[in-house]
Amino acid sequence: MGDHAEPERDPHPRTRLDDSFSTPVRFSLMAALGDSIELDFATLAAILQAGDSVLSKAIAHLQDSGYVATRKVHAGSRPRTWVRATTEGADAFAGHLRALREIVELSGGRMP
């Protein structure tokens, strides 16, 4: 019997998907922030059509991951929360998008 080692293959691109972007709201939030964009909470909620609780949880998760930063300012007596992607977050999201594109390319670019 011969030793038939399977040739080494590159890992499937799905292994580079980042679970931090696994929910539609977190994915959409990172997409909305784009490059060097800072948006306030109310604007994000409107853009994403997300309720305050869902958006707040998404921001907290991404902040815990180091992918977004927030700052609070007061406009008169009302506090406003501003959100922006960190460099680490922007890089991670770009890598996530590359992996998604590679997955589509592996299927011959066929989309249903």
C-alpha atoms as a PDB file:
ATOM      1  CA  MET A   1       0.000   0.000   0.000  1.00  0.00           C
ATOM      2  CA  GLY A   2       1.309   3.405  -0.923  1.00  0.00           C
ATOM      3  CA  ASP A   3       1.144   6.531   1.145  1.00  0.00           C
ATOM      4  CA  HIS A   4      -1.334   8.741  -0.677  1.00  0.00           C
ATOM      5  CA  ALA A   5      -1.296  12.011   1.148  1.00  0.00           C
ATOM      6  CA  GLU A   6      -3.891  14.447  -0.041  1.00  0.00           C
ATOM      7  CA  PRO A   7      -2.277  17.525  -1.569  1.00  0.00           C
ATOM      8  CA  GLU A   8      -2.428  20.598   0.640  1.00  0.00           C
ATOM      9  CA  ARG A   9      -5.135  23.009  -0.332  1.00  0.00           C
ATOM     10  CA  ASP A  10      -5.805  26.541   0.740  1.00  0.00           C
ATOM     11  CA  PRO A  11      -8.484  26.731   3.415  1.00  0.00           C
ATOM     12  CA  HIS A  12     -11.955  27.514   2.142  1.00  0.00           C
ATOM     13  CA  PRO A  13     -12.655  31.276   2.239  1.00  0.00           C
ATOM     14  CA  ARG A  14     -15.509  30.675   4.707  1.00  0.00           C
ATOM     15  CA  THR A  15     -12.829  30.119   7.352  1.00  0.00           C
ATOM     16  CA  ARG A  16     -11.969  33.828   7.028  1.00  0.00           C
ATOM     17  CA  LEU A  17     -15.529  35.056   7.602  1.00  0.00           C
ATOM     18  CA  ASP A  18     -15.773  37.078  10.786  1.00  0.00           C
ATOM     19  CA  ASP A  19     -18.619  36.063  13.101  1.00  0.00           C
ATOM     20  CA  SER A  20     -18.835  39.656  14.317  1.00  0.00           C
ATOM     21  CA  PHE A  21     -20.574  40.444  11.029  1.00  0.00           C
ATOM     22  CA  SER A  22     -22.895  37.418  11.114  1.00  0.00           C
ATOM     23  CA  THR A  23     -26.088  39.328  11.830  1.00  0.00           C
ATOM     24  CA  PRO A  24     -27.699  41.503   9.171  1.00  0.00           C
ATOM     25  CA  VAL A  25     -27.715  44.553  11.461  1.00  0.00           C
ATOM     26  CA  ARG A  26     -24.008  44.308  12.377  1.00  0.00           C
ATOM     27  CA  PHE A  27     -23.086  43.670   8.724  1.00  0.00           C
ATOM     28  CA  SER A  28     -25.218  46.610   7.556  1.00  0.00           C
ATOM     29  CA  LEU A  29     -23.865  48.865  10.310  1.00  0.00           C
ATOM     30  CA  MET A  30     -20.275  48.297   9.192  1.00  0.00           C
ATOM     31  CA  ALA A  31     -21.270  48.842   5.558  1.00  0.00           C
ATOM     32  CA  ALA A  32     -23.014  52.111   6.474  1.00  0.00           C
ATOM     33  CA  LEU A  33     -19.984  53.417   8.346  1.00  0.00           C
ATOM     34  CA  GLY A  34     -17.723  52.937   5.346  1.00  0.00           C
ATOM     35  CA  ASP A  35     -14.341  54.618   5.237  1.00  0.00           C
ATOM     36  CA  SER A  36     -13.860  57.277   7.876  1.00  0.00           C
ATOM     37  CA  ILE A  37     -17.574  58.004   8.239  1.00  0.00           C
ATOM     38  CA  GLU A  38     -18.997  58.856  11.628  1.00  0.00           C
ATOM     39  CA  LEU A  39     -22.760  58.712  12.056  1.00  0.00           C
ATOM     40  CA  ASP A  40     -24.974  59.482  14.993  1.00  0.00           C
ATOM     41  CA  PHE A  41     -27.195  56.810  16.517  1.00  0.00           C
ATOM     42  CA  ALA A  42     -30.463  58.261  15.182  1.00  0.00           C
ATOM     43  CA  THR A  43     -29.115  58.448  11.625  1.00  0.00           C
ATOM     44  CA  LEU A  44     -27.844  54.867  11.829  1.00  0.00           C
ATOM     45  CA  ALA A  45     -31.215  53.692  13.137  1.00  0.00           C
ATOM     46  CA  ALA A  46     -32.948  55.404  10.220  1.00  0.00           C
ATOM     47  CA  ILE A  47     -30.517  54.109   7.584  1.00  0.00           C
ATOM     48  CA  LEU A  48     -30.625  50.541   8.901  1.00  0.00           C
ATOM     49  CA  GLN A  49     -34.341  50.656   9.724  1.00  0.00           C
ATOM     50  CA  ALA A  50     -33.464  49.121  13.074  1.00  0.00           C
ATOM     51  CA  GLY A  51     -34.994  49.657  16.483  1.00  0.00           C
ATOM     52  CA  ASP A  52     -32.973  51.290  19.234  1.00  0.00           C
ATOM     53  CA  SER A  53     -32.489  48.075  21.222  1.00  0.00           C
ATOM     54  CA  VAL A  54     -31.299  46.016  18.247  1.00  0.00           C
ATOM     55  CA  LEU A  55     -28.962  48.770  17.083  1.00  0.00           C
ATOM     56  CA  SER A  56     -27.631  49.362  20.582  1.00  0.00           C
ATOM     57  CA  LYS A  57     -26.806  45.656  20.962  1.00  0.00           C
ATOM     58  CA  ALA A  58     -25.103  45.590  17.550  1.00  0.00           C
ATOM     59  CA  ILE A  59     -22.980  48.614  18.420  1.00  0.00           C
ATOM     60  CA  ALA A  60     -22.057  47.122  21.812  1.00  0.00           C
ATOM     61  CA  HIS A  61     -20.991  43.841  20.196  1.00  0.00           C
ATOM     62  CA  LEU A  62     -18.852  45.574  17.589  1.00  0.00           C
ATOM     63  CA  GLN A  63     -17.395  47.907  20.218  1.00  0.00           C
ATOM     64  CA  ASP A  64     -16.461  44.918  22.404  1.00  0.00           C
ATOM     65  CA  SER A  65     -14.723  43.437  19.348  1.00  0.00           C
ATOM     66  CA  GLY A  66     -12.789  46.673  18.841  1.00  0.00           C
ATOM     67  CA  TYR A  67     -14.483  47.249  15.469  1.00  0.00           C
ATOM     68  CA  VAL A  68     -16.340  50.467  16.260  1.00  0.00           C
ATOM     69  CA  ALA A  69     -15.744  53.372  18.604  1.00  0.00           C
ATOM     70  CA  THR A  70     -18.390  55.617  20.067  1.00  0.00           C
ATOM     71  CA  ARG A  71     -18.339  59.069  21.506  1.00  0.00           C
ATOM     72  CA  LYS A  72     -21.047  60.910  23.349  1.00  0.00           C
ATOM     73  CA  VAL A  73     -21.662  64.621  22.976  1.00  0.00           C
ATOM     74  CA  HIS A  74     -24.389  66.823  24.318  1.00  0.00           C
ATOM     75  CA  ALA A  75     -26.517  68.853  21.939  1.00  0.00           C
ATOM     76  CA  GLY A  76     -28.134  71.178  24.415  1.00  0.00           C
ATOM     77  CA  SER A  77     -29.466  68.931  27.136  1.00  0.00           C
ATOM     78  CA  ARG A  78     -29.704  65.858  24.899  1.00  0.00           C
ATOM     79  CA  PRO A  79     -26.840  63.391  24.650  1.00  0.00           C
ATOM     80  CA  ARG A  80     -25.986  62.116  21.176  1.00  0.00           C
ATOM     81  CA  THR A  81     -23.952  59.013  20.468  1.00  0.00           C
ATOM     82  CA  TRP A  82     -21.676  59.022  17.434  1.00  0.00           C
ATOM     83  CA  VAL A  83     -20.290  55.806  15.956  1.00  0.00           C
ATOM     84  CA  ARG A  84     -17.351  55.205  13.634  1.00  0.00           C
ATOM     85  CA  ALA A  85     -15.467  52.156  12.449  1.00  0.00           C
ATOM     86  CA  THR A  86     -11.990  51.699  13.884  1.00  0.00           C
ATOM     87  CA  THR A  87      -9.076  50.886  11.601  1.00  0.00           C
ATOM     88  CA  GLU A  88      -9.196  47.327  12.945  1.00  0.00           C
ATOM     89  CA  GLY A  89     -12.920  47.155  12.210  1.00  0.00           C
ATOM     90  CA  ALA A  90     -12.574  48.533   8.685  1.00  0.00           C
ATOM     91  CA  ASP A  91      -9.777  46.043   7.959  1.00  0.00           C
ATOM     92  CA  ALA A  92     -11.773  43.135   9.394  1.00  0.00           C
ATOM     93  CA  PHE A  93     -14.861  44.104   7.389  1.00  0.00           C
ATOM     94  CA  ALA A  94     -12.797  44.408   4.192  1.00  0.00           C
ATOM     95  CA  GLY A  95     -11.398  40.910   4.837  1.00  0.00           C
ATOM     96  CA  HIS A  96     -14.910  39.593   5.442  1.00  0.00           C
ATOM     97  CA  LEU A  97     -16.060  41.072   2.111  1.00  0.00           C
ATOM     98  CA  ARG A  98     -13.052  39.568   0.294  1.00  0.00           C
ATOM     99  CA  ALA A  99     -13.929  36.144   1.717  1.00  0.00           C
ATOM    100  CA  LEU A 100     -17.552  36.521   0.574  1.00  0.00           C
ATOM    101  CA  ARG A 101     -16.398  37.454  -2.944  1.00  0.00           C
ATOM    102  CA  GLU A 102     -14.048  34.455  -3.039  1.00  0.00           C
ATOM    103  CA  ILE A 103     -16.879  32.138  -2.002  1.00  0.00           C
ATOM    104  CA  VAL A 104     -18.971  33.431  -4.911  1.00  0.00           C
ATOM    105  CA  GLU A 105     -16.007  33.077  -7.282  1.00  0.00           C
ATOM    106  CA  LEU A 106     -15.485  29.449  -6.211  1.00  0.00           C
ATOM    107  CA  SER A 107     -18.989  28.704  -7.433  1.00  0.00           C
ATOM    108  CA  GLY A 108     -18.076  30.068 -10.837  1.00  0.00           C
ATOM    109  CA  GLY A 109     -19.671  33.395 -10.061  1.00  0.00           C
ATOM    110  CA  ARG A 110     -23.117  31.858 -10.337  1.00  0.00           C
ATOM    111  CA  MET A 111     -25.711  33.626  -8.302  1.00  0.00           C
ATOM    112  CA  PRO A 112     -29.277  32.350  -8.031  1.00  0.00           C
END
